[in-house]
Amino acid sequence: MKAIVLNRTLPEGIEFTDLTLPKLGSDEVKIKVKSAALNHRDEWCRQGKYANLHDGIILGSDASGIVVEVGKEVDPDWIEKEVIINPASDWGENSNVQAKNFKIMGMPEHGTLAEYVQVKSDRIHLKPDHLNWDEAAALPLGGVTAFRALFRQGNIHASDQVLITGFGGGVAQFGVQFALSTGAKVYINSSSEEKIQKGLGLGCSGGFNYNDESWTEKAISQTGGFDLILDSAMGETLNNLIKVTKPAGRVVFYGATRGNPTGFDGRRLFWNQIKMIGNTMGNDEDFGNMLEYVTKNKITPLIDQVFDLDNSLEAFERMKEGKQTGKIVIRISQ
């Protein structure tokens, strides 16, 4: 089968190759992949910036497809079912935090950027009927991360004023849609005016260009501050987030793409009793609740661009440029 694997010996960092899957396990299903979606972790793997890298591993964490074969312990009724995959496994017994052996498909184990994928049967869920193949493929990793960040970690309320930073990325676009669906007043920031306009079109109440040195003053003047912030950058932006958080507000981080901060406004943090909360994807309960919520509220992922498998390098390059608004999808089969 055709697949996209990590190969750091090549200038591109990835290789389009043919692989043979191992014999299907008794508790596994084989899925013919229809569409797969990229996440930043796929590009970080390509750049050698992710932990526990192994050349030859199929990249990708998100996919939709059709079950074509099941192991002997799996209900045969799954055959021909349209499904999406929960890419995380081995969360552990503590719902508050993942265990040490928690894993995500695509590194260090084979992922979804291939014509076929084999996973344990408890990792599959029926595809929401209102989503097409591309939209369904865009949902899993970003959807569950945003859902847990907002509802479990952020404890969002309809009365909240919410700031979603870095609008345009996969998790951020889900954060916006989920937050809007609760009735909360949602704001965004981005370095792109085009992305800000896209967010306003979804129903956001305002947007701020974080390259504007006075964006925090404008945000405070316009909103009075935020009850809840979702952020994946951290770095030297942390103090700005603390500045625009209301007393007793919550800041949920699901990444640190700008690295660790060299310092932060600790006095404002403790005096205003601001909560800073970490978030990594979600457990199986979060994933199931996310799917139910998406189905009930007919939430549809934003798709930036769709590429063919043969043009997958172009998809990775677009992810690297950071110009996308929504998810970048690779269509594996028609």
C-alpha atoms as a PDB file:
ATOM      1  CA  MET A   1       0.000   0.000   0.000  1.00  0.00           C
ATOM      2  CA  LYS A   2       1.058   3.625  -0.510  1.00  0.00           C
ATOM      3  CA  ALA A   3       2.062   5.529   2.605  1.00  0.00           C
ATOM      4  CA  ILE A   4       3.866   8.665   3.791  1.00  0.00           C
ATOM      5  CA  VAL A   5       6.668   7.844   6.213  1.00  0.00           C
ATOM      6  CA  LEU A   6       9.244   9.851   8.095  1.00  0.00           C
ATOM      7  CA  ASN A   7      12.663   9.763   6.439  1.00  0.00           C
ATOM      8  CA  ARG A   8      15.089  12.301   7.893  1.00  0.00           C
ATOM      9  CA  THR A   9      17.826  11.236   5.469  1.00  0.00           C
ATOM     10  CA  LEU A  10      15.935  13.049   2.699  1.00  0.00           C
ATOM     11  CA  PRO A  11      15.818  16.854   2.344  1.00  0.00           C
ATOM     12  CA  GLU A  12      12.016  16.719   2.417  1.00  0.00           C
ATOM     13  CA  GLY A  13      11.990  14.758   5.690  1.00  0.00           C
ATOM     14  CA  ILE A  14       9.269  12.435   4.384  1.00  0.00           C
ATOM     15  CA  GLU A  15       9.048   9.680   1.803  1.00  0.00           C
ATOM     16  CA  PHE A  16       6.179   8.444  -0.355  1.00  0.00           C
ATOM     17  CA  THR A  17       6.624   4.677  -0.380  1.00  0.00           C
ATOM     18  CA  ASP A  18       5.006   1.234  -0.448  1.00  0.00           C
ATOM     19  CA  LEU A  19       4.533  -0.734   2.763  1.00  0.00           C
ATOM     20  CA  THR A  20       2.934  -4.001   3.783  1.00  0.00           C
ATOM     21  CA  LEU A  21       0.862  -4.055   6.952  1.00  0.00           C
ATOM     22  CA  PRO A  22       1.391  -6.905   9.431  1.00  0.00           C
ATOM     23  CA  LYS A  23      -1.221  -9.604   9.969  1.00  0.00           C
ATOM     24  CA  LEU A  24      -4.402  -8.178  11.468  1.00  0.00           C
ATOM     25  CA  GLY A  25      -4.611  -8.705  15.214  1.00  0.00           C
ATOM     26  CA  SER A  26      -7.558 -10.539  16.717  1.00  0.00           C
ATOM     27  CA  ASP A  27      -8.823  -7.338  18.392  1.00  0.00           C
ATOM     28  CA  GLU A  28      -8.082  -5.046  15.429  1.00  0.00           C
ATOM     29  CA  VAL A  29      -9.905  -3.659  12.418  1.00  0.00           C
ATOM     30  CA  LYS A  30      -8.527  -2.757   9.004  1.00  0.00           C
ATOM     31  CA  ILE A  31      -9.743   0.534   7.575  1.00  0.00           C
ATOM     32  CA  LYS A  32      -9.589   1.729   3.982  1.00  0.00           C
ATOM     33  CA  VAL A  33      -8.682   5.381   4.510  1.00  0.00           C
ATOM     34  CA  LYS A  34     -10.773   7.892   2.595  1.00  0.00           C
ATOM     35  CA  SER A  35      -9.234  11.110   3.947  1.00  0.00           C
ATOM     36  CA  ALA A  36      -6.568  12.050   6.458  1.00  0.00           C
ATOM     37  CA  ALA A  37      -5.704  15.411   8.013  1.00  0.00           C
ATOM     38  CA  LEU A  38      -2.433  16.993   9.064  1.00  0.00           C
ATOM     39  CA  ASN A  39      -1.592  18.321  12.505  1.00  0.00           C
ATOM     40  CA  HIS A  40       1.359  20.435  13.561  1.00  0.00           C
ATOM     41  CA  ARG A  41       2.953  17.360  15.149  1.00  0.00           C
ATOM     42  CA  ASP A  42       3.313  15.842  11.661  1.00  0.00           C
ATOM     43  CA  GLU A  43       5.317  18.842  10.484  1.00  0.00           C
ATOM     44  CA  TRP A  44       7.369  18.887  13.688  1.00  0.00           C
ATOM     45  CA  CYS A  45       8.220  15.226  13.075  1.00  0.00           C
ATOM     46  CA  ARG A  46       9.340  16.122   9.554  1.00  0.00           C
ATOM     47  CA  GLN A  47      11.584  18.839  10.994  1.00  0.00           C
ATOM     48  CA  GLY A  48      13.016  16.503  13.624  1.00  0.00           C
ATOM     49  CA  LYS A  49      11.511  18.535  16.480  1.00  0.00           C
ATOM     50  CA  TYR A  50       9.323  15.838  18.034  1.00  0.00           C
ATOM     51  CA  ALA A  51      10.237  13.290  20.678  1.00  0.00           C
ATOM     52  CA  ASN A  52      10.967   9.606  20.090  1.00  0.00           C
ATOM     53  CA  LEU A  53      11.284   9.850  16.300  1.00  0.00           C
ATOM     54  CA  HIS A  54      11.786   6.750  14.136  1.00  0.00           C
ATOM     55  CA  ASP A  55      12.334   6.820  10.382  1.00  0.00           C
ATOM     56  CA  GLY A  56       9.980   4.554   8.451  1.00  0.00           C
ATOM     57  CA  ILE A  57       6.962   5.291  10.665  1.00  0.00           C
ATOM     58  CA  ILE A  58       3.756   6.288   8.864  1.00  0.00           C
ATOM     59  CA  LEU A  59       2.842   9.820   9.900  1.00  0.00           C
ATOM     60  CA  GLY A  60      -0.635  11.175  10.581  1.00  0.00           C
ATOM     61  CA  SER A  61      -3.099  11.025  13.473  1.00  0.00           C
ATOM     62  CA  ASP A  62      -6.456  11.875  11.884  1.00  0.00           C
ATOM     63  CA  ALA A  63      -8.491   9.833   9.405  1.00  0.00           C
ATOM     64  CA  SER A  64     -11.894   8.762   8.203  1.00  0.00           C
ATOM     65  CA  GLY A  65     -12.614   5.586   6.282  1.00  0.00           C
ATOM     66  CA  ILE A  66     -14.478   2.322   5.845  1.00  0.00           C
ATOM     67  CA  VAL A  67     -13.871  -0.847   7.834  1.00  0.00           C
ATOM     68  CA  VAL A  68     -12.928  -3.602   5.356  1.00  0.00           C
ATOM     69  CA  GLU A  69     -11.733  -6.376   7.677  1.00  0.00           C
ATOM     70  CA  VAL A  70     -12.030  -7.292  11.349  1.00  0.00           C
ATOM     71  CA  GLY A  71     -10.082  -9.570  13.672  1.00  0.00           C
ATOM     72  CA  LYS A  72     -11.652 -12.745  15.000  1.00  0.00           C
ATOM     73  CA  GLU A  73     -12.593 -11.131  18.325  1.00  0.00           C
ATOM     74  CA  VAL A  74     -14.308  -8.137  16.689  1.00  0.00           C
ATOM     75  CA  ASP A  75     -18.025  -7.921  15.862  1.00  0.00           C
ATOM     76  CA  PRO A  76     -18.291  -8.482  12.091  1.00  0.00           C
ATOM     77  CA  ASP A  77     -21.093  -5.912  11.932  1.00  0.00           C
ATOM     78  CA  TRP A  78     -18.319  -3.294  11.820  1.00  0.00           C
ATOM     79  CA  ILE A  79     -17.466  -4.327   8.248  1.00  0.00           C
ATOM     80  CA  GLU A  80     -18.427  -1.594   5.731  1.00  0.00           C
ATOM     81  CA  LYS A  81     -19.171   0.872   8.542  1.00  0.00           C
ATOM     82  CA  GLU A  82     -18.033   4.485   7.972  1.00  0.00           C
ATOM     83  CA  VAL A  83     -15.765   5.441  10.860  1.00  0.00           C
ATOM     84  CA  ILE A  84     -13.323   7.894  12.330  1.00  0.00           C
ATOM     85  CA  ILE A  85     -10.417   6.965  14.576  1.00  0.00           C
ATOM     86  CA  ASN A  86      -9.594   8.084  18.096  1.00  0.00           C
ATOM     87  CA  PRO A  87      -5.829   8.526  17.587  1.00  0.00           C
ATOM     88  CA  ALA A  88      -4.929   8.368  21.294  1.00  0.00           C
ATOM     89  CA  SER A  89      -4.461   5.242  23.387  1.00  0.00           C
ATOM     90  CA  ASP A  90      -3.353   4.148  26.848  1.00  0.00           C
ATOM     91  CA  TRP A  91      -4.592   7.267  28.636  1.00  0.00           C
ATOM     92  CA  GLY A  92      -4.662   5.391  31.936  1.00  0.00           C
ATOM     93  CA  GLU A  93      -7.050   5.255  34.867  1.00  0.00           C
ATOM     94  CA  ASN A  94      -6.703   8.867  36.042  1.00  0.00           C
ATOM     95  CA  SER A  95      -9.122  10.989  34.017  1.00  0.00           C
ATOM     96  CA  ASN A  96      -7.307  14.148  35.127  1.00  0.00           C
ATOM     97  CA  VAL A  97      -4.004  13.377  33.414  1.00  0.00           C
ATOM     98  CA  GLN A  98      -2.574  10.919  30.890  1.00  0.00           C
ATOM     99  CA  ALA A  99      -0.335   8.035  31.957  1.00  0.00           C
ATOM    100  CA  LYS A 100       3.345   7.784  31.051  1.00  0.00           C
ATOM    101  CA  ASN A 101       2.659   5.288  28.259  1.00  0.00           C
ATOM    102  CA  PHE A 102      -0.002   7.488  26.611  1.00  0.00           C
ATOM    103  CA  LYS A 103       0.437   7.398  22.823  1.00  0.00           C
ATOM    104  CA  ILE A 104      -0.822   9.200  19.747  1.00  0.00           C
ATOM    105  CA  MET A 105      -0.919   7.566  16.307  1.00  0.00           C
ATOM    106  CA  GLY A 106       1.695   8.759  13.854  1.00  0.00           C
ATOM    107  CA  MET A 107       4.742   8.578  16.130  1.00  0.00           C
ATOM    108  CA  PRO A 108       6.146   6.362  17.533  1.00  0.00           C
ATOM    109  CA  GLU A 109       3.559   3.957  16.056  1.00  0.00           C
ATOM    110  CA  HIS A 110       2.180   3.917  12.515  1.00  0.00           C
ATOM    111  CA  GLY A 111      -0.368   6.587  11.687  1.00  0.00           C
ATOM    112  CA  THR A 112      -3.060   7.416   9.174  1.00  0.00           C
ATOM    113  CA  LEU A 113      -1.316   8.802   6.074  1.00  0.00           C
ATOM    114  CA  ALA A 114      -1.688   5.561   4.167  1.00  0.00           C
ATOM    115  CA  GLU A 115      -4.186   3.720   2.010  1.00  0.00           C
ATOM    116  CA  TYR A 116      -5.015   1.396   4.899  1.00  0.00           C
ATOM    117  CA  VAL A 117      -4.629   1.560   8.664  1.00  0.00           C
ATOM    118  CA  GLN A 118      -5.034  -1.094  11.357  1.00  0.00           C
ATOM    119  CA  VAL A 119      -6.160  -0.128  14.861  1.00  0.00           C
ATOM    120  CA  LYS A 120      -7.721  -1.802  17.868  1.00  0.00           C
ATOM    121  CA  SER A 121     -11.486  -1.936  17.525  1.00  0.00           C
ATOM    122  CA  ASP A 122     -12.037   0.229  20.604  1.00  0.00           C
ATOM    123  CA  ARG A 123     -10.361   3.134  18.766  1.00  0.00           C
ATOM    124  CA  ILE A 124     -13.071   3.484  16.114  1.00  0.00           C
ATOM    125  CA  HIS A 125     -16.335   5.435  16.194  1.00  0.00           C
ATOM    126  CA  LEU A 126     -19.098   5.861  13.659  1.00  0.00           C
ATOM    127  CA  LYS A 127     -18.574   8.886  11.437  1.00  0.00           C
ATOM    128  CA  PRO A 128     -21.060  11.693  12.197  1.00  0.00           C
ATOM    129  CA  ASP A 129     -23.630  11.619   9.411  1.00  0.00           C
ATOM    130  CA  HIS A 130     -23.521  15.368   8.740  1.00  0.00           C
ATOM    131  CA  LEU A 131     -19.801  15.303   7.920  1.00  0.00           C
ATOM    132  CA  ASN A 132     -18.265  14.296   4.599  1.00  0.00           C
ATOM    133  CA  TRP A 133     -15.032  12.283   4.471  1.00  0.00           C
ATOM    134  CA  ASP A 134     -12.748  15.337   4.494  1.00  0.00           C
ATOM    135  CA  GLU A 135     -14.597  17.018   7.364  1.00  0.00           C
ATOM    136  CA  ALA A 136     -14.691  13.822   9.417  1.00  0.00           C
ATOM    137  CA  ALA A 137     -10.951  13.304   8.944  1.00  0.00           C
ATOM    138  CA  ALA A 138     -10.335  16.829  10.234  1.00  0.00           C
ATOM    139  CA  LEU A 139     -12.127  16.233  13.521  1.00  0.00           C
ATOM    140  CA  PRO A 140     -10.381  13.784  15.898  1.00  0.00           C
ATOM    141  CA  LEU A 141      -7.176  15.229  17.364  1.00  0.00           C
ATOM    142  CA  GLY A 142      -8.050  18.926  17.141  1.00  0.00           C
ATOM    143  CA  GLY A 143     -11.652  18.338  18.128  1.00  0.00           C
ATOM    144  CA  VAL A 144     -10.973  16.403  21.312  1.00  0.00           C
ATOM    145  CA  THR A 145      -8.166  18.779  22.342  1.00  0.00           C
ATOM    146  CA  ALA A 146     -10.402  21.844  22.030  1.00  0.00           C
ATOM    147  CA  PHE A 147     -13.333  20.083  23.673  1.00  0.00           C
ATOM    148  CA  ARG A 148     -11.378  19.027  26.759  1.00  0.00           C
ATOM    149  CA  ALA A 149      -9.647  22.405  26.975  1.00  0.00           C
ATOM    150  CA  LEU A 150     -12.927  24.322  26.961  1.00  0.00           C
ATOM    151  CA  PHE A 151     -15.327  22.082  28.846  1.00  0.00           C
ATOM    152  CA  ARG A 152     -13.286  20.001  31.277  1.00  0.00           C
ATOM    153  CA  GLN A 153     -10.249  22.196  31.914  1.00  0.00           C
ATOM    154  CA  GLY A 154     -11.707  25.625  31.142  1.00  0.00           C
ATOM    155  CA  ASN A 155     -15.162  25.027  32.627  1.00  0.00           C
ATOM    156  CA  ILE A 156     -16.730  27.329  30.046  1.00  0.00           C
ATOM    157  CA  HIS A 157     -20.038  29.109  30.778  1.00  0.00           C
ATOM    158  CA  ALA A 158     -22.441  30.881  28.455  1.00  0.00           C
ATOM    159  CA  SER A 159     -21.758  34.120  30.358  1.00  0.00           C
ATOM    160  CA  ASP A 160     -18.002  33.968  29.677  1.00  0.00           C
ATOM    161  CA  GLN A 161     -15.969  36.227  27.448  1.00  0.00           C
ATOM    162  CA  VAL A 162     -13.515  33.902  25.712  1.00  0.00           C
ATOM    163  CA  LEU A 163     -10.292  34.587  23.806  1.00  0.00           C
ATOM    164  CA  ILE A 164      -8.993  31.945  21.381  1.00  0.00           C
ATOM    165  CA  THR A 165      -5.439  32.788  20.351  1.00  0.00           C
ATOM    166  CA  GLY A 166      -3.772  31.913  17.052  1.00  0.00           C
ATOM    167  CA  PHE A 167      -7.020  31.526  15.140  1.00  0.00           C
ATOM    168  CA  GLY A 168      -6.504  29.524  11.953  1.00  0.00           C
ATOM    169  CA  GLY A 169      -5.003  26.401  13.465  1.00  0.00           C
ATOM    170  CA  GLY A 170      -6.978  23.194  13.864  1.00  0.00           C
ATOM    171  CA  VAL A 171      -7.598  23.301  17.611  1.00  0.00           C
ATOM    172  CA  ALA A 172      -8.295  27.042  17.581  1.00  0.00           C
ATOM    173  CA  GLN A 173     -11.014  26.777  14.940  1.00  0.00           C
ATOM    174  CA  PHE A 174     -12.743  24.052  16.964  1.00  0.00           C
ATOM    175  CA  GLY A 175     -12.324  26.156  20.096  1.00  0.00           C
ATOM    176  CA  VAL A 176     -14.119  29.028  18.392  1.00  0.00           C
ATOM    177  CA  GLN A 177     -16.985  26.868  17.146  1.00  0.00           C
ATOM    178  CA  PHE A 178     -17.441  25.032  20.455  1.00  0.00           C
ATOM    179  CA  ALA A 179     -17.304  28.248  22.480  1.00  0.00           C
ATOM    180  CA  LEU A 180     -19.790  30.008  20.192  1.00  0.00           C
ATOM    181  CA  SER A 181     -22.189  27.079  20.484  1.00  0.00           C
ATOM    182  CA  THR A 182     -22.368  27.564  24.275  1.00  0.00           C
ATOM    183  CA  GLY A 183     -23.534  31.153  23.866  1.00  0.00           C
ATOM    184  CA  ALA A 184     -20.262  32.611  25.130  1.00  0.00           C
ATOM    185  CA  LYS A 185     -18.931  35.837  23.649  1.00  0.00           C
ATOM    186  CA  VAL A 186     -15.868  34.840  21.653  1.00  0.00           C
ATOM    187  CA  TYR A 187     -12.861  36.866  20.516  1.00  0.00           C
ATOM    188  CA  ILE A 188      -9.781  35.800  18.600  1.00  0.00           C
ATOM    189  CA  ASN A 189      -6.275  36.968  17.853  1.00  0.00           C
ATOM    190  CA  SER A 190      -4.050  36.279  14.875  1.00  0.00           C
ATOM    191  CA  SER A 191      -1.251  37.893  12.878  1.00  0.00           C
ATOM    192  CA  SER A 192      -3.454  37.680   9.775  1.00  0.00           C
ATOM    193  CA  GLU A 193      -6.256  40.142   9.101  1.00  0.00           C
ATOM    194  CA  GLU A 194      -7.727  37.629   6.657  1.00  0.00           C
ATOM    195  CA  LYS A 195      -7.988  35.007   9.402  1.00  0.00           C
ATOM    196  CA  ILE A 196      -9.522  37.547  11.778  1.00  0.00           C
ATOM    197  CA  GLN A 197     -12.175  38.356   9.188  1.00  0.00           C
ATOM    198  CA  LYS A 198     -12.873  34.633   8.808  1.00  0.00           C
ATOM    199  CA  GLY A 199     -13.409  34.360  12.541  1.00  0.00           C
ATOM    200  CA  LEU A 200     -15.744  37.337  12.558  1.00  0.00           C
ATOM    201  CA  GLY A 201     -17.705  35.621   9.801  1.00  0.00           C
ATOM    202  CA  LEU A 202     -18.191  32.609  12.079  1.00  0.00           C
ATOM    203  CA  GLY A 203     -19.747  34.832  14.732  1.00  0.00           C
ATOM    204  CA  CYS A 204     -16.825  36.080  16.821  1.00  0.00           C
ATOM    205  CA  SER A 205     -17.410  39.441  18.483  1.00  0.00           C
ATOM    206  CA  GLY A 206     -13.967  40.843  17.729  1.00  0.00           C
ATOM    207  CA  GLY A 207     -10.405  40.113  16.747  1.00  0.00           C
ATOM    208  CA  PHE A 208      -6.958  41.485  17.542  1.00  0.00           C
ATOM    209  CA  ASN A 209      -3.718  41.365  15.585  1.00  0.00           C
ATOM    210  CA  TYR A 210      -1.107  40.156  18.057  1.00  0.00           C
ATOM    211  CA  ASN A 211       1.661  41.851  16.043  1.00  0.00           C
ATOM    212  CA  ASP A 212       0.111  45.165  17.074  1.00  0.00           C
ATOM    213  CA  GLU A 213       2.060  46.171  20.202  1.00  0.00           C
ATOM    214  CA  SER A 214      -1.064  47.795  21.638  1.00  0.00           C
ATOM    215  CA  TRP A 215      -3.400  44.823  21.105  1.00  0.00           C
ATOM    216  CA  THR A 216      -3.728  44.125  24.822  1.00  0.00           C
ATOM    217  CA  GLU A 217      -4.786  47.707  25.557  1.00  0.00           C
ATOM    218  CA  LYS A 218      -7.322  47.549  22.729  1.00  0.00           C
ATOM    219  CA  ALA A 219      -8.642  44.227  23.998  1.00  0.00           C
ATOM    220  CA  ILE A 220      -9.067  45.496  27.553  1.00  0.00           C
ATOM    221  CA  SER A 221     -10.698  48.702  26.307  1.00  0.00           C
ATOM    222  CA  GLN A 222     -13.130  46.776  24.115  1.00  0.00           C
ATOM    223  CA  THR A 223     -13.936  43.843  26.381  1.00  0.00           C
ATOM    224  CA  GLY A 224     -12.821  44.594  29.927  1.00  0.00           C
ATOM    225  CA  GLY A 225     -10.829  41.351  29.839  1.00  0.00           C
ATOM    226  CA  PHE A 226     -11.505  37.657  29.365  1.00  0.00           C
ATOM    227  CA  ASP A 227     -12.889  34.990  31.664  1.00  0.00           C
ATOM    228  CA  LEU A 228     -11.286  32.178  29.686  1.00  0.00           C
ATOM    229  CA  ILE A 229      -8.363  32.035  27.245  1.00  0.00           C
ATOM    230  CA  LEU A 230      -7.205  29.125  25.081  1.00  0.00           C
ATOM    231  CA  ASP A 231      -3.593  29.343  23.928  1.00  0.00           C
ATOM    232  CA  SER A 232      -1.002  27.122  22.252  1.00  0.00           C
ATOM    233  CA  ALA A 233       1.915  29.555  21.940  1.00  0.00           C
ATOM    234  CA  MET A 234       3.056  30.562  25.442  1.00  0.00           C
ATOM    235  CA  GLY A 235       6.635  31.889  25.142  1.00  0.00           C
ATOM    236  CA  GLU A 236       6.956  35.640  25.546  1.00  0.00           C
ATOM    237  CA  THR A 237       3.227  36.069  24.856  1.00  0.00           C
ATOM    238  CA  LEU A 238       2.387  34.757  28.337  1.00  0.00           C
ATOM    239  CA  ASN A 239       2.481  38.117  30.100  1.00  0.00           C
ATOM    240  CA  ASN A 240       0.105  39.580  27.527  1.00  0.00           C
ATOM    241  CA  LEU A 241      -2.381  36.810  28.267  1.00  0.00           C
ATOM    242  CA  ILE A 242      -2.100  37.385  31.993  1.00  0.00           C
ATOM    243  CA  LYS A 243      -2.682  41.099  31.366  1.00  0.00           C
ATOM    244  CA  VAL A 244      -5.972  40.560  29.517  1.00  0.00           C
ATOM    245  CA  THR A 245      -7.343  37.887  31.892  1.00  0.00           C
ATOM    246  CA  LYS A 246     -10.027  39.019  34.314  1.00  0.00           C
ATOM    247  CA  PRO A 247      -9.568  38.394  38.037  1.00  0.00           C
ATOM    248  CA  ALA A 248     -10.333  34.710  38.773  1.00  0.00           C
ATOM    249  CA  GLY A 249     -10.067  33.978  35.053  1.00  0.00           C
ATOM    250  CA  ARG A 250      -8.657  30.804  33.508  1.00  0.00           C
ATOM    251  CA  VAL A 251      -5.905  30.385  30.913  1.00  0.00           C
ATOM    252  CA  VAL A 252      -5.728  26.913  29.322  1.00  0.00           C
ATOM    253  CA  PHE A 253      -2.578  25.967  27.404  1.00  0.00           C
ATOM    254  CA  TYR A 254      -2.577  23.081  24.929  1.00  0.00           C
ATOM    255  CA  GLY A 255       0.858  23.796  23.465  1.00  0.00           C
ATOM    256  CA  ALA A 256       3.962  25.943  23.709  1.00  0.00           C
ATOM    257  CA  THR A 257       4.994  26.567  20.101  1.00  0.00           C
ATOM    258  CA  ARG A 258       6.969  29.654  21.120  1.00  0.00           C
ATOM    259  CA  GLY A 259       8.799  27.802  23.847  1.00  0.00           C
ATOM    260  CA  ASN A 260       9.012  28.522  27.545  1.00  0.00           C
ATOM    261  CA  PRO A 261       8.705  32.106  28.805  1.00  0.00           C
ATOM    262  CA  THR A 262      11.814  33.702  30.249  1.00  0.00           C
ATOM    263  CA  GLY A 263       9.660  35.286  32.925  1.00  0.00           C
ATOM    264  CA  PHE A 264       6.084  36.118  33.736  1.00  0.00           C
ATOM    265  CA  ASP A 265       4.037  38.609  35.704  1.00  0.00           C
ATOM    266  CA  GLY A 266       3.734  36.567  38.872  1.00  0.00           C
ATOM    267  CA  ARG A 267       2.379  39.449  40.950  1.00  0.00           C
ATOM    268  CA  ARG A 268      -0.584  39.998  38.670  1.00  0.00           C
ATOM    269  CA  LEU A 269      -1.107  36.240  38.512  1.00  0.00           C
ATOM    270  CA  PHE A 270      -1.445  35.676  42.244  1.00  0.00           C
ATOM    271  CA  TRP A 271      -3.140  38.989  43.064  1.00  0.00           C
ATOM    272  CA  ASN A 272      -5.870  38.404  40.490  1.00  0.00           C
ATOM    273  CA  GLN A 273      -6.091  34.708  41.420  1.00  0.00           C
ATOM    274  CA  ILE A 274      -5.743  33.630  37.801  1.00  0.00           C
ATOM    275  CA  LYS A 275      -5.744  29.917  37.088  1.00  0.00           C
ATOM    276  CA  MET A 276      -3.225  28.558  34.558  1.00  0.00           C
ATOM    277  CA  ILE A 277      -4.140  25.081  33.339  1.00  0.00           C
ATOM    278  CA  GLY A 278      -2.411  22.606  31.038  1.00  0.00           C
ATOM    279  CA  ASN A 279      -4.208  20.377  28.543  1.00  0.00           C
ATOM    280  CA  THR A 280      -3.183  17.453  26.338  1.00  0.00           C
ATOM    281  CA  MET A 281      -5.760  15.984  23.959  1.00  0.00           C
ATOM    282  CA  GLY A 282      -8.353  14.010  25.955  1.00  0.00           C
ATOM    283  CA  ASN A 283      -9.313  10.613  27.294  1.00  0.00           C
ATOM    284  CA  ASP A 284     -11.835   8.213  25.777  1.00  0.00           C
ATOM    285  CA  GLU A 285     -14.713   9.834  27.666  1.00  0.00           C
ATOM    286  CA  ASP A 286     -13.735  13.239  26.299  1.00  0.00           C
ATOM    287  CA  PHE A 287     -13.594  11.832  22.778  1.00  0.00           C
ATOM    288  CA  GLY A 288     -17.032  10.269  23.022  1.00  0.00           C
ATOM    289  CA  ASN A 289     -18.509  13.426  24.532  1.00  0.00           C
ATOM    290  CA  MET A 290     -16.893  15.514  21.795  1.00  0.00           C
ATOM    291  CA  LEU A 291     -18.438  13.360  19.067  1.00  0.00           C
ATOM    292  CA  GLU A 292     -21.845  13.570  20.706  1.00  0.00           C
ATOM    293  CA  TYR A 293     -21.540  17.348  21.008  1.00  0.00           C
ATOM    294  CA  VAL A 294     -20.407  17.780  17.398  1.00  0.00           C
ATOM    295  CA  THR A 295     -23.286  15.639  16.173  1.00  0.00           C
ATOM    296  CA  LYS A 296     -25.919  17.364  18.320  1.00  0.00           C
ATOM    297  CA  ASN A 297     -24.772  20.870  17.373  1.00  0.00           C
ATOM    298  CA  LYS A 298     -23.964  20.021  13.725  1.00  0.00           C
ATOM    299  CA  ILE A 299     -20.479  21.489  14.047  1.00  0.00           C
ATOM    300  CA  THR A 300     -18.509  21.251  10.799  1.00  0.00           C
ATOM    301  CA  PRO A 301     -14.699  21.553  10.746  1.00  0.00           C
ATOM    302  CA  LEU A 302     -13.221  24.324   8.642  1.00  0.00           C
ATOM    303  CA  ILE A 303     -11.238  22.866   5.751  1.00  0.00           C
ATOM    304  CA  ASP A 304      -8.369  24.980   4.468  1.00  0.00           C
ATOM    305  CA  GLN A 305      -7.265  22.938   1.439  1.00  0.00           C
ATOM    306  CA  VAL A 306      -7.534  19.370   0.205  1.00  0.00           C
ATOM    307  CA  PHE A 307      -4.548  17.659  -1.445  1.00  0.00           C
ATOM    308  CA  ASP A 308      -4.184  14.313  -3.163  1.00  0.00           C
ATOM    309  CA  LEU A 309      -1.883  11.698  -1.690  1.00  0.00           C
ATOM    310  CA  ASP A 310       0.548  12.207  -4.576  1.00  0.00           C
ATOM    311  CA  ASN A 311       0.787  15.913  -3.639  1.00  0.00           C
ATOM    312  CA  SER A 312       1.282  15.341   0.078  1.00  0.00           C
ATOM    313  CA  LEU A 313       4.556  17.273   0.190  1.00  0.00           C
ATOM    314  CA  GLU A 314       2.636  20.388  -0.845  1.00  0.00           C
ATOM    315  CA  ALA A 315       0.285  19.802   2.084  1.00  0.00           C
ATOM    316  CA  PHE A 316       3.222  19.620   4.494  1.00  0.00           C
ATOM    317  CA  GLU A 317       4.727  22.768   3.013  1.00  0.00           C
ATOM    318  CA  ARG A 318       1.464  24.637   3.543  1.00  0.00           C
ATOM    319  CA  MET A 319       1.414  23.488   7.157  1.00  0.00           C
ATOM    320  CA  LYS A 320       4.998  24.711   7.526  1.00  0.00           C
ATOM    321  CA  GLU A 321       4.060  28.153   6.128  1.00  0.00           C
ATOM    322  CA  GLY A 322       1.293  28.509   8.725  1.00  0.00           C
ATOM    323  CA  LYS A 323      -1.044  30.228   6.296  1.00  0.00           C
ATOM    324  CA  GLN A 324      -3.933  27.802   6.725  1.00  0.00           C
ATOM    325  CA  THR A 325      -7.318  28.676   8.186  1.00  0.00           C
ATOM    326  CA  GLY A 326      -8.698  25.366   9.342  1.00  0.00           C
ATOM    327  CA  LYS A 327      -7.487  21.862   8.630  1.00  0.00           C
ATOM    328  CA  ILE A 328      -5.259  20.691   5.784  1.00  0.00           C
ATOM    329  CA  VAL A 329      -6.645  17.426   4.413  1.00  0.00           C
ATOM    330  CA  ILE A 330      -5.030  14.752   2.260  1.00  0.00           C
ATOM    331  CA  ARG A 331      -7.567  12.755   0.258  1.00  0.00           C
ATOM    332  CA  ILE A 332      -6.357   9.172   0.151  1.00  0.00           C
ATOM    333  CA  SER A 333      -9.087   7.506  -1.937  1.00  0.00           C
ATOM    334  CA  GLN A 334     -12.334   8.483  -3.625  1.00  0.00           C
END
